[in-house]
Amino acid sequence: MAGSTMAIEVIRVNGTRENRRIGTRDPFAEINKLIGCDVTDTINLRDGRIMLVDDLGHQKNLSVNPIATDMYWAVCRPGTRHQIVGDVIVAVDADFA
């Protein structure tokens, strides 16, 4: 798959959404750079997509990402109040296989 690209969406805390293509050789390096993190955590959106978030976002006191939080709550148990902070990436899970 060297030289290939994958489609991702960047969802910023300010509500802007950017469709991009990143390389598949080291996608996590590009993802980390795009959202300004060193370590990501993954949320299964249960529709074939995943959301990659800054694993240390709460410790860094990043701003709440309302769009990402709504997407997260849609797949959580009712009553979940944890919020997603910082910019996030949404991608097709199978692209990481």
PDB file of N, CA and C in Angstrom:
ATOM      1  N   MET A   1       0.819  -1.192   0.000  1.00  0.00           N
ATOM      2  CA  MET A   1       0.000   0.000   0.000  1.00  0.00           C
ATOM      3  C   MET A   1       0.864   1.258   0.000  1.00  0.00           C
ATOM      4  N   ALA A   2       2.166   1.141  -0.090  1.00  0.00           N
ATOM      5  CA  ALA A   2       3.062   2.296  -0.095  1.00  0.00           C
ATOM      6  C   ALA A   2       2.667   3.263  -1.189  1.00  0.00           C
ATOM      7  N   GLY A   3       2.652   4.544  -0.861  1.00  0.00           N
ATOM      8  CA  GLY A   3       2.277   5.551  -1.832  1.00  0.00           C
ATOM      9  C   GLY A   3       0.785   5.807  -1.903  1.00  0.00           C
ATOM     10  N   SER A   4      -0.009   5.005  -1.215  1.00  0.00           N
ATOM     11  CA  SER A   4      -1.457   5.173  -1.220  1.00  0.00           C
ATOM     12  C   SER A   4      -1.866   6.283  -0.261  1.00  0.00           C
ATOM     13  N   THR A   5      -3.110   6.698  -0.417  1.00  0.00           N
ATOM     14  CA  THR A   5      -3.659   7.686   0.504  1.00  0.00           C
ATOM     15  C   THR A   5      -5.001   7.205   1.023  1.00  0.00           C
ATOM     16  N   MET A   6      -5.436   7.819   2.112  1.00  0.00           N
ATOM     17  CA  MET A   6      -6.757   7.535   2.659  1.00  0.00           C
ATOM     18  C   MET A   6      -7.469   8.852   2.926  1.00  0.00           C
ATOM     19  N   ALA A   7      -8.779   8.813   2.805  1.00  0.00           N
ATOM     20  CA  ALA A   7      -9.602   9.983   3.059  1.00  0.00           C
ATOM     21  C   ALA A   7      -9.887  10.082   4.558  1.00  0.00           C
ATOM     22  N   ILE A   8      -9.765  11.289   5.074  1.00  0.00           N
ATOM     23  CA  ILE A   8     -10.106  11.555   6.478  1.00  0.00           C
ATOM     24  C   ILE A   8     -10.884  12.866   6.543  1.00  0.00           C
ATOM     25  N   GLU A   9     -11.527  13.076   7.662  1.00  0.00           N
ATOM     26  CA  GLU A   9     -12.165  14.355   7.932  1.00  0.00           C
ATOM     27  C   GLU A   9     -11.602  14.878   9.243  1.00  0.00           C
ATOM     28  N   VAL A  10     -11.179  16.131   9.240  1.00  0.00           N
ATOM     29  CA  VAL A  10     -10.719  16.799  10.453  1.00  0.00           C
ATOM     30  C   VAL A  10     -11.897  17.633  10.947  1.00  0.00           C
ATOM     31  N   ILE A  11     -12.257  17.449  12.210  1.00  0.00           N
ATOM     32  CA  ILE A  11     -13.321  18.245  12.825  1.00  0.00           C
ATOM     33  C   ILE A  11     -12.674  19.086  13.914  1.00  0.00           C
ATOM     34  N   ARG A  12     -12.640  20.390  13.686  1.00  0.00           N
ATOM     35  CA  ARG A  12     -11.989  21.332  14.599  1.00  0.00           C
ATOM     36  C   ARG A  12     -12.955  21.766  15.706  1.00  0.00           C
ATOM     37  N   VAL A  13     -12.412  22.202  16.830  1.00  0.00           N
ATOM     38  CA  VAL A  13     -13.245  22.638  17.951  1.00  0.00           C
ATOM     39  C   VAL A  13     -14.101  23.843  17.586  1.00  0.00           C
ATOM     40  N   ASN A  14     -13.679  24.611  16.597  1.00  0.00           N
ATOM     41  CA  ASN A  14     -14.455  25.789  16.189  1.00  0.00           C
ATOM     42  C   ASN A  14     -15.587  25.431  15.228  1.00  0.00           C
ATOM     43  N   GLY A  15     -15.756  24.138  14.943  1.00  0.00           N
ATOM     44  CA  GLY A  15     -16.858  23.687  14.091  1.00  0.00           C
ATOM     45  C   GLY A  15     -16.513  23.508  12.625  1.00  0.00           C
ATOM     46  N   THR A  16     -15.308  23.918  12.229  1.00  0.00           N
ATOM     47  CA  THR A  16     -14.952  23.718  10.823  1.00  0.00           C
ATOM     48  C   THR A  16     -14.619  22.254  10.578  1.00  0.00           C
ATOM     49  N   ARG A  17     -14.929  21.828   9.355  1.00  0.00           N
ATOM     50  CA  ARG A  17     -14.687  20.452   8.942  1.00  0.00           C
ATOM     51  C   ARG A  17     -13.870  20.480   7.668  1.00  0.00           C
ATOM     52  N   GLU A  18     -12.803  19.681   7.649  1.00  0.00           N
ATOM     53  CA  GLU A  18     -11.901  19.660   6.502  1.00  0.00           C
ATOM     54  C   GLU A  18     -11.780  18.228   5.993  1.00  0.00           C
ATOM     55  N   ASN A  19     -12.085  18.022   4.715  1.00  0.00           N
ATOM     56  CA  ASN A  19     -11.845  16.723   4.093  1.00  0.00           C
ATOM     57  C   ASN A  19     -10.434  16.747   3.525  1.00  0.00           C
ATOM     58  N   ARG A  20      -9.651  15.713   3.865  1.00  0.00           N
ATOM     59  CA  ARG A  20      -8.258  15.638   3.438  1.00  0.00           C
ATOM     60  C   ARG A  20      -7.915  14.225   3.015  1.00  0.00           C
ATOM     61  N   ARG A  21      -6.759  14.106   2.394  1.00  0.00           N
ATOM     62  CA  ARG A  21      -6.174  12.801   2.076  1.00  0.00           C
ATOM     63  C   ARG A  21      -4.798  12.772   2.735  1.00  0.00           C
ATOM     64  N   ILE A  22      -4.513  11.663   3.398  1.00  0.00           N
ATOM     65  CA  ILE A  22      -3.201  11.506   4.028  1.00  0.00           C
ATOM     66  C   ILE A  22      -2.573  10.210   3.538  1.00  0.00           C
ATOM     67  N   GLY A  23      -1.262  10.131   3.651  1.00  0.00           N
ATOM     68  CA  GLY A  23      -0.547   8.935   3.230  1.00  0.00           C
ATOM     69  C   GLY A  23      -0.793   7.767   4.166  1.00  0.00           C
ATOM     70  N   THR A  24      -0.731   6.567   3.619  1.00  0.00           N
ATOM     71  CA  THR A  24      -0.949   5.369   4.418  1.00  0.00           C
ATOM     72  C   THR A  24       0.337   4.777   4.975  1.00  0.00           C
ATOM     73  N   ARG A  25       1.466   5.301   4.557  1.00  0.00           N
ATOM     74  CA  ARG A  25       2.748   4.749   5.043  1.00  0.00           C
ATOM     75  C   ARG A  25       2.879   4.946   6.551  1.00  0.00           C
ATOM     76  N   ASP A  26       2.590   6.120   7.063  1.00  0.00           N
ATOM     77  CA  ASP A  26       2.631   6.413   8.499  1.00  0.00           C
ATOM     78  C   ASP A  26       1.473   7.365   8.832  1.00  0.00           C
ATOM     79  N   PRO A  27       0.240   6.853   8.742  1.00  0.00           N
ATOM     80  CA  PRO A  27      -0.905   7.753   8.915  1.00  0.00           C
ATOM     81  C   PRO A  27      -0.976   8.385  10.300  1.00  0.00           C
ATOM     82  N   PHE A  28      -0.517   7.666  11.325  1.00  0.00           N
ATOM     83  CA  PHE A  28      -0.622   8.227  12.668  1.00  0.00           C
ATOM     84  C   PHE A  28       0.275   9.445  12.867  1.00  0.00           C
ATOM     85  N   ALA A  29       1.404   9.473  12.208  1.00  0.00           N
ATOM     86  CA  ALA A  29       2.266  10.660  12.288  1.00  0.00           C
ATOM     87  C   ALA A  29       1.541  11.865  11.691  1.00  0.00           C
ATOM     88  N   GLU A  30       0.879  11.657  10.560  1.00  0.00           N
ATOM     89  CA  GLU A  30       0.138  12.762   9.933  1.00  0.00           C
ATOM     90  C   GLU A  30      -1.067  13.163  10.779  1.00  0.00           C
ATOM     91  N   ILE A  31      -1.768  12.174  11.313  1.00  0.00           N
ATOM     92  CA  ILE A  31      -2.932  12.449  12.163  1.00  0.00           C
ATOM     93  C   ILE A  31      -2.507  13.235  13.395  1.00  0.00           C
ATOM     94  N   ASN A  32      -1.453  12.780  14.053  1.00  0.00           N
ATOM     95  CA  ASN A  32      -0.988  13.478  15.251  1.00  0.00           C
ATOM     96  C   ASN A  32      -0.610  14.920  14.947  1.00  0.00           C
ATOM     97  N   LYS A  33       0.020  15.136  13.808  1.00  0.00           N
ATOM     98  CA  LYS A  33       0.402  16.498  13.419  1.00  0.00           C
ATOM     99  C   LYS A  33      -0.843  17.355  13.156  1.00  0.00           C
ATOM    100  N   LEU A  34      -1.829  16.790  12.476  1.00  0.00           N
ATOM    101  CA  LEU A  34      -3.040  17.543  12.142  1.00  0.00           C
ATOM    102  C   LEU A  34      -3.825  17.986  13.368  1.00  0.00           C
ATOM    103  N   ILE A  35      -3.850  17.136  14.408  1.00  0.00           N
ATOM    104  CA  ILE A  35      -4.640  17.499  15.583  1.00  0.00           C
ATOM    105  C   ILE A  35      -3.777  17.894  16.779  1.00  0.00           C
ATOM    106  N   GLY A  36      -2.457  17.966  16.566  1.00  0.00           N
ATOM    107  CA  GLY A  36      -1.561  18.488  17.591  1.00  0.00           C
ATOM    108  C   GLY A  36      -1.413  17.608  18.817  1.00  0.00           C
ATOM    109  N   CYS A  37      -1.233  16.321  18.596  1.00  0.00           N
ATOM    110  CA  CYS A  37      -1.082  15.423  19.742  1.00  0.00           C
ATOM    111  C   CYS A  37       0.081  14.470  19.544  1.00  0.00           C
ATOM    112  N   ASP A  38       0.433  13.775  20.621  1.00  0.00           N
ATOM    113  CA  ASP A  38       1.484  12.766  20.568  1.00  0.00           C
ATOM    114  C   ASP A  38       0.904  11.358  20.607  1.00  0.00           C
ATOM    115  N   VAL A  39      -0.249  11.212  21.275  1.00  0.00           N
ATOM    116  CA  VAL A  39      -0.881   9.909  21.449  1.00  0.00           C
ATOM    117  C   VAL A  39      -2.368  10.046  21.154  1.00  0.00           C
ATOM    118  N   THR A  40      -2.890   9.135  20.329  1.00  0.00           N
ATOM    119  CA  THR A  40      -4.314   9.171  20.023  1.00  0.00           C
ATOM    120  C   THR A  40      -5.050   8.050  20.743  1.00  0.00           C
ATOM    121  N   ASP A  41      -6.323   8.269  20.931  1.00  0.00           N
ATOM    122  CA  ASP A  41      -7.245   7.233  21.388  1.00  0.00           C
ATOM    123  C   ASP A  41      -8.288   7.105  20.298  1.00  0.00           C
ATOM    124  N   THR A  42      -8.905   5.942  20.204  1.00  0.00           N
ATOM    125  CA  THR A  42      -9.835   5.661  19.123  1.00  0.00           C
ATOM    126  C   THR A  42     -11.229   5.388  19.672  1.00  0.00           C
ATOM    127  N   ILE A  43     -12.218   5.969  19.020  1.00  0.00           N
ATOM    128  CA  ILE A  43     -13.616   5.731  19.364  1.00  0.00           C
ATOM    129  C   ILE A  43     -14.281   5.093  18.156  1.00  0.00           C
ATOM    130  N   ASN A  44     -14.921   3.958  18.364  1.00  0.00           N
ATOM    131  CA  ASN A  44     -15.643   3.268  17.299  1.00  0.00           C
ATOM    132  C   ASN A  44     -17.005   3.944  17.137  1.00  0.00           C
ATOM    133  N   LEU A  45     -17.271   4.499  15.971  1.00  0.00           N
ATOM    134  CA  LEU A  45     -18.543   5.184  15.724  1.00  0.00           C
ATOM    135  C   LEU A  45     -19.638   4.222  15.278  1.00  0.00           C
ATOM    136  N   ARG A  46     -19.313   2.948  15.204  1.00  0.00           N
ATOM    137  CA  ARG A  46     -20.266   1.867  14.940  1.00  0.00           C
ATOM    138  C   ARG A  46     -20.945   1.931  13.589  1.00  0.00           C
ATOM    139  N   ASP A  47     -20.321   2.629  12.658  1.00  0.00           N
ATOM    140  CA  ASP A  47     -20.864   2.691  11.293  1.00  0.00           C
ATOM    141  C   ASP A  47     -19.749   2.459  10.267  1.00  0.00           C
ATOM    142  N   GLY A  48     -18.664   1.833  10.738  1.00  0.00           N
ATOM    143  CA  GLY A  48     -17.520   1.604   9.867  1.00  0.00           C
ATOM    144  C   GLY A  48     -16.458   2.679   9.979  1.00  0.00           C
ATOM    145  N   ARG A  49     -16.750   3.726  10.749  1.00  0.00           N
ATOM    146  CA  ARG A  49     -15.783   4.811  10.939  1.00  0.00           C
ATOM    147  C   ARG A  49     -15.270   4.807  12.371  1.00  0.00           C
ATOM    148  N   ILE A  50     -14.108   5.433  12.534  1.00  0.00           N
ATOM    149  CA  ILE A  50     -13.549   5.652  13.862  1.00  0.00           C
ATOM    150  C   ILE A  50     -13.243   7.135  14.023  1.00  0.00           C
ATOM    151  N   MET A  51     -13.211   7.565  15.264  1.00  0.00           N
ATOM    152  CA  MET A  51     -12.804   8.925  15.591  1.00  0.00           C
ATOM    153  C   MET A  51     -11.499   8.818  16.370  1.00  0.00           C
ATOM    154  N   LEU A  52     -10.489   9.551  15.938  1.00  0.00           N
ATOM    155  CA  LEU A  52      -9.206   9.580  16.630  1.00  0.00           C
ATOM    156  C   LEU A  52      -9.107  10.903  17.370  1.00  0.00           C
ATOM    157  N   VAL A  53      -8.840  10.806  18.667  1.00  0.00           N
ATOM    158  CA  VAL A  53      -8.811  11.981  19.537  1.00  0.00           C
ATOM    159  C   VAL A  53      -7.479  12.048  20.268  1.00  0.00           C
ATOM    160  N   ASP A  54      -7.133  13.221  20.766  1.00  0.00           N
ATOM    161  CA  ASP A  54      -5.930  13.400  21.581  1.00  0.00           C
ATOM    162  C   ASP A  54      -6.165  12.704  22.914  1.00  0.00           C
ATOM    163  N   ASP A  55      -5.388  11.667  23.203  1.00  0.00           N
ATOM    164  CA  ASP A  55      -5.557  10.888  24.427  1.00  0.00           C
ATOM    165  C   ASP A  55      -5.314  11.727  25.675  1.00  0.00           C
ATOM    166  N   LEU A  56      -4.551  12.790  25.558  1.00  0.00           N
ATOM    167  CA  LEU A  56      -4.245  13.639  26.710  1.00  0.00           C
ATOM    168  C   LEU A  56      -5.000  14.972  26.651  1.00  0.00           C
ATOM    169  N   GLY A  57      -6.015  15.042  25.823  1.00  0.00           N
ATOM    170  CA  GLY A  57      -6.747  16.289  25.622  1.00  0.00           C
ATOM    171  C   GLY A  57      -7.310  16.898  26.884  1.00  0.00           C
ATOM    172  N   HIS A  58      -7.871  16.065  27.773  1.00  0.00           N
ATOM    173  CA  HIS A  58      -8.426  16.600  29.013  1.00  0.00           C
ATOM    174  C   HIS A  58      -7.312  17.101  29.929  1.00  0.00           C
ATOM    175  N   GLN A  59      -6.199  16.396  29.980  1.00  0.00           N
ATOM    176  CA  GLN A  59      -5.069  16.839  30.799  1.00  0.00           C
ATOM    177  C   GLN A  59      -4.489  18.153  30.286  1.00  0.00           C
ATOM    178  N   LYS A  60      -4.576  18.368  28.969  1.00  0.00           N
ATOM    179  CA  LYS A  60      -4.079  19.602  28.358  1.00  0.00           C
ATOM    180  C   LYS A  60      -5.102  20.739  28.451  1.00  0.00           C
ATOM    181  N   ASN A  61      -6.288  20.449  28.991  1.00  0.00           N
ATOM    182  CA  ASN A  61      -7.378  21.427  29.101  1.00  0.00           C
ATOM    183  C   ASN A  61      -7.789  21.978  27.740  1.00  0.00           C
ATOM    184  N   LEU A  62      -7.860  21.091  26.738  1.00  0.00           N
ATOM    185  CA  LEU A  62      -8.313  21.513  25.410  1.00  0.00           C
ATOM    186  C   LEU A  62      -9.798  21.842  25.447  1.00  0.00           C
ATOM    187  N   SER A  63     -10.219  22.670  24.516  1.00  0.00           N
ATOM    188  CA  SER A  63     -11.624  23.079  24.437  1.00  0.00           C
ATOM    189  C   SER A  63     -12.503  21.918  24.009  1.00  0.00           C
ATOM    190  N   VAL A  64     -13.748  21.951  24.460  1.00  0.00           N
ATOM    191  CA  VAL A  64     -14.726  20.940  24.069  1.00  0.00           C
ATOM    192  C   VAL A  64     -14.999  21.064  22.573  1.00  0.00           C
ATOM    193  N   ASN A  65     -15.096  19.921  21.913  1.00  0.00           N
ATOM    194  CA  ASN A  65     -15.439  19.861  20.499  1.00  0.00           C
ATOM    195  C   ASN A  65     -16.899  19.415  20.425  1.00  0.00           C
ATOM    196  N   PRO A  66     -17.836  20.367  20.227  1.00  0.00           N
ATOM    197  CA  PRO A  66     -19.260  20.020  20.279  1.00  0.00           C
ATOM    198  C   PRO A  66     -19.689  18.999  19.218  1.00  0.00           C
ATOM    199  N   ILE A  67     -19.179  19.120  18.009  1.00  0.00           N
ATOM    200  CA  ILE A  67     -19.575  18.180  16.952  1.00  0.00           C
ATOM    201  C   ILE A  67     -19.084  16.782  17.290  1.00  0.00           C
ATOM    202  N   ALA A  68     -17.820  16.660  17.683  1.00  0.00           N
ATOM    203  CA  ALA A  68     -17.263  15.357  18.042  1.00  0.00           C
ATOM    204  C   ALA A  68     -17.965  14.775  19.266  1.00  0.00           C
ATOM    205  N   THR A  69     -18.301  15.621  20.217  1.00  0.00           N
ATOM    206  CA  THR A  69     -19.014  15.153  21.414  1.00  0.00           C
ATOM    207  C   THR A  69     -20.374  14.590  21.041  1.00  0.00           C
ATOM    208  N   ASP A  70     -21.105  15.277  20.173  1.00  0.00           N
ATOM    209  CA  ASP A  70     -22.411  14.766  19.734  1.00  0.00           C
ATOM    210  C   ASP A  70     -22.271  13.422  19.024  1.00  0.00           C
ATOM    211  N   MET A  71     -21.239  13.284  18.193  1.00  0.00           N
ATOM    212  CA  MET A  71     -21.003  12.007  17.512  1.00  0.00           C
ATOM    213  C   MET A  71     -20.708  10.903  18.530  1.00  0.00           C
ATOM    214  N   TYR A  72     -19.931  11.225  19.541  1.00  0.00           N
ATOM    215  CA  TYR A  72     -19.589  10.274  20.597  1.00  0.00           C
ATOM    216  C   TYR A  72     -20.832   9.872  21.385  1.00  0.00           C
ATOM    217  N   TRP A  73     -21.604  10.860  21.815  1.00  0.00           N
ATOM    218  CA  TRP A  73     -22.801  10.561  22.601  1.00  0.00           C
ATOM    219  C   TRP A  73     -23.793   9.703  21.825  1.00  0.00           C
ATOM    220  N   ALA A  74     -23.807   9.834  20.497  1.00  0.00           N
ATOM    221  CA  ALA A  74     -24.740   9.052  19.673  1.00  0.00           C
ATOM    222  C   ALA A  74     -24.459   7.546  19.752  1.00  0.00           C
ATOM    223  N   VAL A  75     -23.237   7.162  20.129  1.00  0.00           N
ATOM    224  CA  VAL A  75     -22.897   5.740  20.201  1.00  0.00           C
ATOM    225  C   VAL A  75     -22.685   5.266  21.644  1.00  0.00           C
ATOM    226  N   CYS A  76     -22.923   6.136  22.616  1.00  0.00           N
ATOM    227  CA  CYS A  76     -22.725   5.796  24.026  1.00  0.00           C
ATOM    228  C   CYS A  76     -24.043   5.404  24.683  1.00  0.00           C
ATOM    229  N   ARG A  77     -23.899   4.877  25.880  1.00  0.00           N
ATOM    230  CA  ARG A  77     -25.093   4.607  26.690  1.00  0.00           C
ATOM    231  C   ARG A  77     -25.789   5.927  26.994  1.00  0.00           C
ATOM    232  N   PRO A  78     -27.103   5.910  27.037  1.00  0.00           N
ATOM    233  CA  PRO A  78     -27.824   7.129  27.426  1.00  0.00           C
ATOM    234  C   PRO A  78     -27.332   7.624  28.786  1.00  0.00           C
ATOM    235  N   GLY A  79     -27.177   8.913  28.903  1.00  0.00           N
ATOM    236  CA  GLY A  79     -26.722   9.516  30.145  1.00  0.00           C
ATOM    237  C   GLY A  79     -25.223   9.767  30.208  1.00  0.00           C
ATOM    238  N   THR A  80     -24.471   9.293  29.224  1.00  0.00           N
ATOM    239  CA  THR A  80     -23.028   9.544  29.201  1.00  0.00           C
ATOM    240  C   THR A  80     -22.807  11.046  29.093  1.00  0.00           C
ATOM    241  N   ARG A  81     -21.917  11.582  29.910  1.00  0.00           N
ATOM    242  CA  ARG A  81     -21.667  13.022  29.916  1.00  0.00           C
ATOM    243  C   ARG A  81     -20.237  13.377  29.537  1.00  0.00           C
ATOM    244  N   HIS A  82     -19.357  12.383  29.368  1.00  0.00           N
ATOM    245  CA  HIS A  82     -17.968  12.671  28.983  1.00  0.00           C
ATOM    246  C   HIS A  82     -17.972  13.443  27.665  1.00  0.00           C
ATOM    247  N   GLN A  83     -17.147  14.464  27.560  1.00  0.00           N
ATOM    248  CA  GLN A  83     -17.084  15.271  26.348  1.00  0.00           C
ATOM    249  C   GLN A  83     -15.760  15.045  25.623  1.00  0.00           C
ATOM    250  N   ILE A  84     -15.801  15.173  24.310  1.00  0.00           N
ATOM    251  CA  ILE A  84     -14.603  15.076  23.480  1.00  0.00           C
ATOM    252  C   ILE A  84     -13.994  16.474  23.392  1.00  0.00           C
ATOM    253  N   VAL A  85     -12.686  16.539  23.590  1.00  0.00           N
ATOM    254  CA  VAL A  85     -11.997  17.831  23.549  1.00  0.00           C
ATOM    255  C   VAL A  85     -10.940  17.812  22.449  1.00  0.00           C
ATOM    256  N   GLY A  86     -10.657  18.996  21.942  1.00  0.00           N
ATOM    257  CA  GLY A  86      -9.631  19.137  20.913  1.00  0.00           C
ATOM    258  C   GLY A  86     -10.142  18.778  19.529  1.00  0.00           C
ATOM    259  N   ASP A  87      -9.291  19.023  18.550  1.00  0.00           N
ATOM    260  CA  ASP A  87      -9.601  18.653  17.172  1.00  0.00           C
ATOM    261  C   ASP A  87      -9.542  17.136  17.055  1.00  0.00           C
ATOM    262  N   VAL A  88     -10.351  16.569  16.160  1.00  0.00           N
ATOM    263  CA  VAL A  88     -10.404  15.120  15.991  1.00  0.00           C
ATOM    264  C   VAL A  88     -10.322  14.760  14.509  1.00  0.00           C
ATOM    265  N   ILE A  89     -10.045  13.498  14.267  1.00  0.00           N
ATOM    266  CA  ILE A  89     -10.038  12.937  12.922  1.00  0.00           C
ATOM    267  C   ILE A  89     -11.109  11.863  12.846  1.00  0.00           C
ATOM    268  N   VAL A  90     -11.880  11.853  11.771  1.00  0.00           N
ATOM    269  CA  VAL A  90     -12.823  10.769  11.519  1.00  0.00           C
ATOM    270  C   VAL A  90     -12.348  10.088  10.235  1.00  0.00           C
ATOM    271  N   ALA A  91     -12.244   8.757  10.315  1.00  0.00           N
ATOM    272  CA  ALA A  91     -11.725   7.983   9.180  1.00  0.00           C
ATOM    273  C   ALA A  91     -12.435   6.645   9.104  1.00  0.00           C
ATOM    274  N   VAL A  92     -12.301   5.984   7.977  1.00  0.00           N
ATOM    275  CA  VAL A  92     -12.857   4.646   7.796  1.00  0.00           C
ATOM    276  C   VAL A  92     -11.948   3.653   8.513  1.00  0.00           C
ATOM    277  N   ASP A  93     -12.531   2.879   9.386  1.00  0.00           N
ATOM    278  CA  ASP A  93     -11.761   1.931  10.203  1.00  0.00           C
ATOM    279  C   ASP A  93     -10.964   0.960   9.330  1.00  0.00           C
ATOM    280  N   ALA A  94     -11.556   0.450   8.277  1.00  0.00           N
ATOM    281  CA  ALA A  94     -10.890  -0.548   7.421  1.00  0.00           C
ATOM    282  C   ALA A  94      -9.635   0.002   6.763  1.00  0.00           C
ATOM    283  N   ASP A  95      -9.507   1.307   6.639  1.00  0.00           N
ATOM    284  CA  ASP A  95      -8.302   1.897   6.023  1.00  0.00           C
ATOM    285  C   ASP A  95      -7.054   1.674   6.862  1.00  0.00           C
ATOM    286  N   PHE A  96      -7.231   1.295   8.132  1.00  0.00           N
ATOM    287  CA  PHE A  96      -6.092   1.076   9.019  1.00  0.00           C
ATOM    288  C   PHE A  96      -5.695  -0.390   9.113  1.00  0.00           C
ATOM    289  N   ALA A  97      -6.391  -1.247   8.368  1.00  0.00           N
ATOM    290  CA  ALA A  97      -6.101  -2.700   8.407  1.00  0.00           C
ATOM    291  C   ALA A  97      -4.806  -3.024   7.694  1.00  0.00           C
TER     292      ALA A  97
END
